[in-house]
Amino acid sequence: MYQKLFFSFLIIFLVTSCSKNKEPEINIPSDQEKSFEIYKEAVEAMYRNDYFYASKKFSEAEQIFPKIEFSAKASLMSSYCLYLINFYPEATANLERFITQYPADKNIPYAHYLIAISLYEQILDEKKDLKPLIEAKKYFTIITNDFKDTDYALDAKYKLDL
């Protein structure tokens, strides 16, 4: 009788001692994982033609990317989205910030070209306002002089001739 009671207590003790209530581990994503998720969300928004939202997401991803190459790419993509929705002053300001913040990036010629195109598309009537025309000419000249070996130089020469 005592033996059965002893074994039942032993079994109950072993079962209850082995079953601890562990709290489920919450997997908090790191900044790097978050930044790639945000970047992916921005690219998807671009494919949906939601450029304003994509621009905001690219800017958000730029701030938390751990590597400078990814931050530079996100900044450039944000500017491109702003350009696509005809927010030319914002795109130009963002691109100028890109050029000063990432001077060694491989996409500097493209940034200059995008600034020049943004200014070029703001030319309404050269008889009324010469500022966009002069600014666009300045950037197209920079492209033809400093980045001669790029595809952008050919288009810049063509736009300068116009």
N, C-alpha and C. Protein backbone atom coordinates (compact mmCIF):
# COMPACT_ATOMS: atom_id res chain seq x y z
N MET A 1 0.82 -1.18 0.00
CA MET A 1 0.00 0.00 0.00
C MET A 1 0.87 1.25 0.00
N TYR A 2 1.89 1.24 0.91
CA TYR A 2 2.79 2.40 0.94
C TYR A 2 3.61 2.49 -0.33
N GLN A 3 3.87 1.33 -0.88
CA GLN A 3 4.64 1.32 -2.11
C GLN A 3 3.86 1.96 -3.25
N LYS A 4 2.59 1.68 -3.40
CA LYS A 4 1.76 2.28 -4.44
C LYS A 4 1.63 3.78 -4.21
N LEU A 5 1.45 4.16 -2.98
CA LEU A 5 1.34 5.58 -2.65
C LEU A 5 2.66 6.30 -2.95
N PHE A 6 3.76 5.66 -2.61
CA PHE A 6 5.08 6.25 -2.86
C PHE A 6 5.32 6.42 -4.37
N PHE A 7 4.98 5.41 -5.18
CA PHE A 7 5.18 5.48 -6.62
C PHE A 7 4.26 6.53 -7.26
N SER A 8 3.06 6.64 -6.77
CA SER A 8 2.15 7.66 -7.32
C SER A 8 2.66 9.07 -7.02
N PHE A 9 3.16 9.29 -5.80
CA PHE A 9 3.74 10.60 -5.46
C PHE A 9 5.00 10.87 -6.29
N LEU A 10 5.78 9.85 -6.50
CA LEU A 10 7.00 9.97 -7.29
C LEU A 10 6.67 10.34 -8.74
N ILE A 11 5.68 9.69 -9.31
CA ILE A 11 5.27 9.98 -10.69
C ILE A 11 4.72 11.39 -10.79
N ILE A 12 3.89 11.77 -9.86
CA ILE A 12 3.31 13.13 -9.87
C ILE A 12 4.42 14.16 -9.71
N PHE A 13 5.37 13.89 -8.83
CA PHE A 13 6.49 14.81 -8.62
C PHE A 13 7.33 14.96 -9.89
N LEU A 14 7.63 13.84 -10.54
CA LEU A 14 8.45 13.89 -11.75
C LEU A 14 7.73 14.60 -12.89
N VAL A 15 6.46 14.37 -13.04
CA VAL A 15 5.70 15.00 -14.12
C VAL A 15 5.60 16.50 -13.91
N THR A 16 5.32 16.91 -12.69
CA THR A 16 5.16 18.34 -12.43
C THR A 16 6.49 19.06 -12.39
N SER A 17 7.56 18.42 -11.99
CA SER A 17 8.85 19.10 -11.93
C SER A 17 9.45 19.29 -13.32
N CYS A 18 9.11 18.44 -14.26
CA CYS A 18 9.66 18.54 -15.61
C CYS A 18 8.87 19.49 -16.50
N SER A 19 7.70 19.85 -16.09
CA SER A 19 6.88 20.71 -16.94
C SER A 19 6.90 22.15 -16.41
N LYS A 20 7.95 22.85 -16.78
CA LYS A 20 8.04 24.25 -16.38
C LYS A 20 7.28 25.10 -17.38
N ASN A 21 6.69 26.15 -16.89
CA ASN A 21 6.02 27.10 -17.76
C ASN A 21 7.06 28.09 -18.29
N LYS A 22 7.59 27.77 -19.42
CA LYS A 22 8.55 28.69 -20.04
C LYS A 22 7.78 29.74 -20.81
N GLU A 23 8.22 30.96 -20.66
CA GLU A 23 7.61 32.03 -21.45
C GLU A 23 8.11 31.90 -22.88
N PRO A 24 7.24 32.10 -23.81
CA PRO A 24 7.69 31.98 -25.20
C PRO A 24 8.71 33.09 -25.52
N GLU A 25 9.73 32.68 -26.23
CA GLU A 25 10.77 33.64 -26.58
C GLU A 25 10.25 34.56 -27.68
N ILE A 26 10.36 35.83 -27.44
CA ILE A 26 9.94 36.82 -28.42
C ILE A 26 11.16 37.17 -29.26
N ASN A 27 11.03 36.97 -30.53
CA ASN A 27 12.14 37.23 -31.43
C ASN A 27 12.03 38.67 -31.92
N ILE A 28 12.77 39.56 -31.30
CA ILE A 28 12.76 40.96 -31.69
C ILE A 28 13.76 41.14 -32.81
N PRO A 29 13.30 41.65 -33.96
CA PRO A 29 14.22 41.80 -35.08
C PRO A 29 15.26 42.89 -34.81
N SER A 30 16.44 42.68 -35.33
CA SER A 30 17.50 43.67 -35.16
C SER A 30 17.26 44.84 -36.11
N ASP A 31 18.05 45.89 -35.94
CA ASP A 31 17.92 47.05 -36.81
C ASP A 31 18.19 46.68 -38.27
N GLN A 32 19.13 45.78 -38.47
CA GLN A 32 19.45 45.38 -39.83
C GLN A 32 18.26 44.66 -40.47
N GLU A 33 17.63 43.77 -39.73
CA GLU A 33 16.46 43.07 -40.26
C GLU A 33 15.32 44.04 -40.51
N LYS A 34 15.12 44.99 -39.59
CA LYS A 34 14.07 46.00 -39.77
C LYS A 34 14.32 46.84 -41.01
N SER A 35 15.57 47.23 -41.18
CA SER A 35 15.88 48.10 -42.31
C SER A 35 15.63 47.39 -43.64
N PHE A 36 15.99 46.12 -43.73
CA PHE A 36 15.73 45.38 -44.96
C PHE A 36 14.24 45.17 -45.18
N GLU A 37 13.49 44.97 -44.09
CA GLU A 37 12.03 44.84 -44.22
C GLU A 37 11.42 46.15 -44.73
N ILE A 38 11.88 47.26 -44.19
CA ILE A 38 11.36 48.57 -44.61
C ILE A 38 11.73 48.83 -46.06
N TYR A 39 12.96 48.49 -46.43
CA TYR A 39 13.41 48.68 -47.82
C TYR A 39 12.57 47.83 -48.77
N LYS A 40 12.31 46.61 -48.38
CA LYS A 40 11.48 45.72 -49.20
C LYS A 40 10.07 46.29 -49.35
N GLU A 41 9.54 46.82 -48.27
CA GLU A 41 8.21 47.44 -48.30
C GLU A 41 8.20 48.64 -49.25
N ALA A 42 9.29 49.40 -49.25
CA ALA A 42 9.39 50.56 -50.13
C ALA A 42 9.44 50.14 -51.60
N VAL A 43 10.19 49.09 -51.89
CA VAL A 43 10.27 48.60 -53.27
C VAL A 43 8.90 48.11 -53.73
N GLU A 44 8.19 47.41 -52.86
CA GLU A 44 6.85 46.95 -53.22
C GLU A 44 5.91 48.12 -53.47
N ALA A 45 6.04 49.18 -52.67
CA ALA A 45 5.22 50.37 -52.88
C ALA A 45 5.56 51.03 -54.22
N MET A 46 6.84 50.99 -54.59
CA MET A 46 7.23 51.53 -55.90
C MET A 46 6.57 50.76 -57.03
N TYR A 47 6.55 49.44 -56.91
CA TYR A 47 5.92 48.62 -57.94
C TYR A 47 4.41 48.87 -58.03
N ARG A 48 3.82 49.29 -56.92
CA ARG A 48 2.39 49.64 -56.92
C ARG A 48 2.15 51.08 -57.35
N ASN A 49 3.20 51.79 -57.73
CA ASN A 49 3.15 53.20 -58.14
C ASN A 49 2.75 54.13 -57.01
N ASP A 50 3.00 53.73 -55.79
CA ASP A 50 2.76 54.58 -54.62
C ASP A 50 4.11 55.21 -54.25
N TYR A 51 4.52 56.19 -55.05
CA TYR A 51 5.87 56.74 -54.95
C TYR A 51 6.10 57.58 -53.70
N PHE A 52 5.08 58.28 -53.25
CA PHE A 52 5.25 59.11 -52.06
C PHE A 52 5.51 58.23 -50.83
N TYR A 53 4.71 57.19 -50.68
CA TYR A 53 4.89 56.25 -49.57
C TYR A 53 6.25 55.56 -49.68
N ALA A 54 6.62 55.19 -50.89
CA ALA A 54 7.92 54.53 -51.12
C ALA A 54 9.06 55.47 -50.73
N SER A 55 8.93 56.73 -51.07
CA SER A 55 9.97 57.71 -50.73
C SER A 55 10.13 57.82 -49.22
N LYS A 56 9.04 57.85 -48.51
CA LYS A 56 9.09 57.92 -47.04
C LYS A 56 9.74 56.67 -46.45
N LYS A 57 9.39 55.52 -47.00
CA LYS A 57 9.96 54.26 -46.50
C LYS A 57 11.45 54.16 -46.82
N PHE A 58 11.86 54.62 -48.00
CA PHE A 58 13.29 54.61 -48.33
C PHE A 58 14.06 55.53 -47.38
N SER A 59 13.48 56.69 -47.08
CA SER A 59 14.14 57.60 -46.14
C SER A 59 14.24 56.98 -44.75
N GLU A 60 13.20 56.28 -44.35
CA GLU A 60 13.21 55.61 -43.04
C GLU A 60 14.27 54.51 -43.01
N ALA A 61 14.37 53.75 -44.08
CA ALA A 61 15.37 52.68 -44.15
C ALA A 61 16.78 53.26 -44.17
N GLU A 62 16.95 54.39 -44.83
CA GLU A 62 18.28 55.02 -44.90
C GLU A 62 18.82 55.33 -43.51
N GLN A 63 17.96 55.76 -42.63
CA GLN A 63 18.39 56.18 -41.31
C GLN A 63 18.83 55.01 -40.43
N ILE A 64 18.32 53.80 -40.68
CA ILE A 64 18.67 52.70 -39.79
C ILE A 64 19.52 51.61 -40.44
N PHE A 65 19.88 51.79 -41.71
CA PHE A 65 20.76 50.80 -42.34
C PHE A 65 22.11 50.80 -41.66
N PRO A 66 22.66 49.62 -41.39
CA PRO A 66 23.96 49.56 -40.72
C PRO A 66 25.13 49.87 -41.66
N LYS A 67 24.99 49.58 -42.94
CA LYS A 67 26.08 49.82 -43.89
C LYS A 67 25.79 51.08 -44.70
N ILE A 68 26.84 51.82 -44.94
CA ILE A 68 26.69 53.11 -45.63
C ILE A 68 26.28 52.92 -47.08
N GLU A 69 26.69 51.81 -47.71
CA GLU A 69 26.32 51.57 -49.11
C GLU A 69 24.80 51.42 -49.24
N PHE A 70 24.20 50.72 -48.29
CA PHE A 70 22.75 50.54 -48.33
C PHE A 70 22.03 51.86 -48.03
N SER A 71 22.58 52.63 -47.11
CA SER A 71 21.98 53.93 -46.79
C SER A 71 22.01 54.85 -48.00
N ALA A 72 23.13 54.84 -48.72
CA ALA A 72 23.25 55.68 -49.91
C ALA A 72 22.24 55.26 -50.97
N LYS A 73 22.09 53.97 -51.17
CA LYS A 73 21.13 53.47 -52.15
C LYS A 73 19.70 53.85 -51.77
N ALA A 74 19.37 53.74 -50.50
CA ALA A 74 18.02 54.11 -50.04
C ALA A 74 17.77 55.60 -50.23
N SER A 75 18.77 56.43 -49.96
CA SER A 75 18.64 57.87 -50.16
C SER A 75 18.40 58.19 -51.63
N LEU A 76 19.14 57.54 -52.49
CA LEU A 76 18.98 57.77 -53.93
C LEU A 76 17.61 57.31 -54.42
N MET A 77 17.15 56.19 -53.92
CA MET A 77 15.83 55.69 -54.30
C MET A 77 14.72 56.62 -53.81
N SER A 78 14.90 57.19 -52.63
CA SER A 78 13.93 58.15 -52.11
C SER A 78 13.84 59.37 -53.03
N SER A 79 14.99 59.85 -53.45
CA SER A 79 15.03 61.01 -54.36
C SER A 79 14.38 60.67 -55.70
N TYR A 80 14.65 59.48 -56.19
CA TYR A 80 14.06 59.07 -57.47
C TYR A 80 12.54 59.01 -57.37
N CYS A 81 12.02 58.51 -56.26
CA CYS A 81 10.56 58.47 -56.08
C CYS A 81 9.97 59.88 -56.05
N LEU A 82 10.67 60.79 -55.39
CA LEU A 82 10.20 62.18 -55.37
C LEU A 82 10.22 62.78 -56.77
N TYR A 83 11.23 62.44 -57.54
CA TYR A 83 11.32 62.91 -58.93
C TYR A 83 10.15 62.37 -59.75
N LEU A 84 9.80 61.11 -59.53
CA LEU A 84 8.72 60.49 -60.31
C LEU A 84 7.36 61.14 -60.08
N ILE A 85 7.15 61.70 -58.89
CA ILE A 85 5.85 62.34 -58.61
C ILE A 85 5.94 63.86 -58.78
N ASN A 86 6.98 64.29 -59.47
CA ASN A 86 7.18 65.71 -59.82
C ASN A 86 7.36 66.61 -58.61
N PHE A 87 7.94 66.10 -57.55
CA PHE A 87 8.32 66.92 -56.40
C PHE A 87 9.77 67.33 -56.62
N TYR A 88 9.98 68.16 -57.63
CA TYR A 88 11.34 68.48 -58.06
C TYR A 88 12.18 69.20 -57.02
N PRO A 89 11.65 70.21 -56.32
CA PRO A 89 12.50 70.87 -55.30
C PRO A 89 12.92 69.92 -54.18
N GLU A 90 12.01 69.06 -53.74
CA GLU A 90 12.34 68.10 -52.69
C GLU A 90 13.35 67.08 -53.19
N ALA A 91 13.17 66.62 -54.42
CA ALA A 91 14.11 65.66 -55.00
C ALA A 91 15.49 66.28 -55.15
N THR A 92 15.54 67.53 -55.61
CA THR A 92 16.82 68.21 -55.79
C THR A 92 17.51 68.41 -54.45
N ALA A 93 16.77 68.83 -53.44
CA ALA A 93 17.38 69.04 -52.11
C ALA A 93 17.89 67.71 -51.55
N ASN A 94 17.12 66.65 -51.73
CA ASN A 94 17.53 65.34 -51.24
C ASN A 94 18.77 64.84 -51.99
N LEU A 95 18.83 65.10 -53.28
CA LEU A 95 19.99 64.67 -54.06
C LEU A 95 21.24 65.47 -53.69
N GLU A 96 21.07 66.77 -53.44
CA GLU A 96 22.23 67.57 -53.01
C GLU A 96 22.74 67.10 -51.65
N ARG A 97 21.82 66.71 -50.78
CA ARG A 97 22.23 66.13 -49.49
C ARG A 97 22.94 64.81 -49.72
N PHE A 98 22.46 64.01 -50.67
CA PHE A 98 23.10 62.74 -51.01
C PHE A 98 24.54 62.98 -51.47
N ILE A 99 24.74 63.98 -52.31
CA ILE A 99 26.08 64.25 -52.84
C ILE A 99 27.03 64.69 -51.74
N THR A 100 26.55 65.48 -50.80
CA THR A 100 27.44 65.92 -49.71
C THR A 100 27.64 64.83 -48.66
N GLN A 101 26.63 64.02 -48.43
CA GLN A 101 26.72 63.00 -47.39
C GLN A 101 27.47 61.75 -47.85
N TYR A 102 27.37 61.42 -49.13
CA TYR A 102 28.01 60.21 -49.66
C TYR A 102 28.89 60.58 -50.87
N PRO A 103 29.95 61.35 -50.66
CA PRO A 103 30.75 61.84 -51.80
C PRO A 103 31.52 60.75 -52.54
N ALA A 104 31.75 59.62 -51.93
CA ALA A 104 32.52 58.55 -52.58
C ALA A 104 31.64 57.47 -53.19
N ASP A 105 30.34 57.68 -53.20
CA ASP A 105 29.44 56.66 -53.72
C ASP A 105 29.59 56.54 -55.23
N LYS A 106 29.34 55.35 -55.75
CA LYS A 106 29.49 55.12 -57.19
C LYS A 106 28.36 55.76 -58.00
N ASN A 107 27.27 56.17 -57.35
CA ASN A 107 26.12 56.73 -58.05
C ASN A 107 26.10 58.26 -58.06
N ILE A 108 27.22 58.89 -57.76
CA ILE A 108 27.29 60.35 -57.79
C ILE A 108 26.97 60.91 -59.18
N PRO A 109 27.47 60.32 -60.28
CA PRO A 109 27.08 60.85 -61.60
C PRO A 109 25.58 60.81 -61.82
N TYR A 110 24.94 59.74 -61.37
CA TYR A 110 23.49 59.64 -61.53
C TYR A 110 22.78 60.70 -60.70
N ALA A 111 23.28 60.98 -59.51
CA ALA A 111 22.67 62.01 -58.66
C ALA A 111 22.76 63.38 -59.36
N HIS A 112 23.91 63.69 -59.92
CA HIS A 112 24.05 64.96 -60.66
C HIS A 112 23.10 64.98 -61.86
N TYR A 113 23.01 63.87 -62.54
CA TYR A 113 22.13 63.80 -63.70
C TYR A 113 20.67 63.98 -63.31
N LEU A 114 20.27 63.35 -62.21
CA LEU A 114 18.88 63.48 -61.77
C LEU A 114 18.56 64.90 -61.32
N ILE A 115 19.53 65.57 -60.70
CA ILE A 115 19.33 66.98 -60.36
C ILE A 115 19.15 67.80 -61.63
N ALA A 116 20.02 67.56 -62.61
CA ALA A 116 19.94 68.32 -63.86
C ALA A 116 18.61 68.08 -64.57
N ILE A 117 18.15 66.84 -64.61
CA ILE A 117 16.87 66.54 -65.26
C ILE A 117 15.72 67.17 -64.50
N SER A 118 15.79 67.16 -63.16
CA SER A 118 14.73 67.80 -62.37
C SER A 118 14.66 69.29 -62.68
N LEU A 119 15.80 69.91 -62.77
CA LEU A 119 15.82 71.35 -63.10
C LEU A 119 15.39 71.58 -64.54
N TYR A 120 15.79 70.70 -65.42
CA TYR A 120 15.43 70.82 -66.83
C TYR A 120 13.92 70.72 -67.02
N GLU A 121 13.28 69.84 -66.28
CA GLU A 121 11.84 69.68 -66.42
C GLU A 121 11.05 70.81 -65.78
N GLN A 122 11.71 71.65 -65.01
CA GLN A 122 11.04 72.81 -64.41
C GLN A 122 11.05 74.02 -65.34
N ILE A 123 11.74 73.92 -66.46
CA ILE A 123 11.80 75.03 -67.41
C ILE A 123 10.45 75.12 -68.11
N LEU A 124 9.75 76.21 -67.84
CA LEU A 124 8.45 76.42 -68.47
C LEU A 124 8.58 77.33 -69.67
N ASP A 125 9.12 78.49 -69.45
CA ASP A 125 9.29 79.46 -70.52
C ASP A 125 10.57 80.22 -70.25
N GLU A 126 11.53 80.08 -71.16
CA GLU A 126 12.83 80.69 -70.93
C GLU A 126 12.78 82.22 -70.96
N LYS A 127 11.69 82.78 -71.46
CA LYS A 127 11.57 84.24 -71.50
C LYS A 127 11.09 84.80 -70.16
N LYS A 128 10.40 83.98 -69.35
CA LYS A 128 9.87 84.46 -68.08
C LYS A 128 10.81 84.19 -66.91
N ASP A 129 11.37 82.98 -66.85
CA ASP A 129 12.20 82.61 -65.71
C ASP A 129 13.44 81.87 -66.21
N LEU A 130 14.60 82.47 -66.01
CA LEU A 130 15.85 81.88 -66.48
C LEU A 130 16.55 81.01 -65.44
N LYS A 131 16.11 81.08 -64.18
CA LYS A 131 16.81 80.38 -63.11
C LYS A 131 16.90 78.87 -63.33
N PRO A 132 15.78 78.16 -63.62
CA PRO A 132 15.91 76.72 -63.86
C PRO A 132 16.80 76.40 -65.07
N LEU A 133 16.75 77.25 -66.07
CA LEU A 133 17.57 77.04 -67.26
C LEU A 133 19.06 77.14 -66.94
N ILE A 134 19.42 78.16 -66.18
CA ILE A 134 20.82 78.37 -65.80
C ILE A 134 21.30 77.26 -64.87
N GLU A 135 20.47 76.89 -63.90
CA GLU A 135 20.84 75.82 -62.96
C GLU A 135 20.99 74.49 -63.69
N ALA A 136 20.07 74.18 -64.60
CA ALA A 136 20.15 72.92 -65.35
C ALA A 136 21.42 72.91 -66.20
N LYS A 137 21.73 74.04 -66.82
CA LYS A 137 22.94 74.13 -67.64
C LYS A 137 24.18 73.89 -66.78
N LYS A 138 24.18 74.43 -65.56
CA LYS A 138 25.32 74.25 -64.66
C LYS A 138 25.53 72.76 -64.36
N TYR A 139 24.47 72.06 -64.06
CA TYR A 139 24.60 70.64 -63.72
C TYR A 139 24.92 69.79 -64.95
N PHE A 140 24.35 70.13 -66.10
CA PHE A 140 24.69 69.38 -67.31
C PHE A 140 26.16 69.59 -67.68
N THR A 141 26.67 70.79 -67.43
CA THR A 141 28.08 71.06 -67.67
C THR A 141 28.96 70.26 -66.72
N ILE A 142 28.56 70.15 -65.46
CA ILE A 142 29.31 69.33 -64.50
C ILE A 142 29.37 67.88 -64.99
N ILE A 143 28.26 67.39 -65.49
CA ILE A 143 28.21 66.00 -65.96
C ILE A 143 29.14 65.81 -67.16
N THR A 144 29.08 66.75 -68.14
CA THR A 144 29.91 66.59 -69.34
C THR A 144 31.40 66.76 -69.03
N ASN A 145 31.73 67.57 -68.02
CA ASN A 145 33.15 67.78 -67.69
C ASN A 145 33.70 66.72 -66.75
N ASP A 146 32.97 66.40 -65.70
CA ASP A 146 33.49 65.51 -64.66
C ASP A 146 33.21 64.03 -64.89
N PHE A 147 32.15 63.73 -65.60
CA PHE A 147 31.75 62.34 -65.79
C PHE A 147 31.62 62.02 -67.27
N LYS A 148 32.68 62.25 -68.01
CA LYS A 148 32.68 62.10 -69.47
C LYS A 148 32.41 60.67 -69.93
N ASP A 149 32.85 59.71 -69.14
CA ASP A 149 32.78 58.31 -69.55
C ASP A 149 31.48 57.62 -69.17
N THR A 150 30.49 58.38 -68.75
CA THR A 150 29.22 57.77 -68.35
C THR A 150 28.18 57.94 -69.45
N ASP A 151 27.12 57.17 -69.34
CA ASP A 151 26.02 57.29 -70.30
C ASP A 151 25.30 58.63 -70.15
N TYR A 152 25.40 59.22 -68.96
CA TYR A 152 24.70 60.47 -68.69
C TYR A 152 25.33 61.63 -69.45
N ALA A 153 26.62 61.55 -69.76
CA ALA A 153 27.32 62.64 -70.45
C ALA A 153 26.75 62.84 -71.85
N LEU A 154 26.41 61.75 -72.53
CA LEU A 154 25.85 61.87 -73.88
C LEU A 154 24.51 62.60 -73.86
N ASP A 155 23.65 62.23 -72.92
CA ASP A 155 22.35 62.91 -72.81
C ASP A 155 22.55 64.36 -72.36
N ALA A 156 23.51 64.60 -71.49
CA ALA A 156 23.77 65.96 -71.02
C ALA A 156 24.23 66.84 -72.17
N LYS A 157 25.08 66.31 -73.05
CA LYS A 157 25.51 67.08 -74.23
C LYS A 157 24.32 67.42 -75.12
N TYR A 158 23.44 66.44 -75.28
CA TYR A 158 22.24 66.66 -76.10
C TYR A 158 21.36 67.75 -75.47
N LYS A 159 21.17 67.70 -74.17
CA LYS A 159 20.33 68.69 -73.50
C LYS A 159 20.98 70.07 -73.53
N LEU A 160 22.30 70.12 -73.46
CA LEU A 160 22.99 71.41 -73.55
C LEU A 160 22.83 72.04 -74.93
N ASP A 161 22.83 71.20 -75.96
CA ASP A 161 22.62 71.70 -77.33
C ASP A 161 21.22 72.26 -77.51
N LEU A 162 20.27 71.69 -76.80
CA LEU A 162 18.89 72.20 -76.90
C LEU A 162 18.80 73.59 -76.30
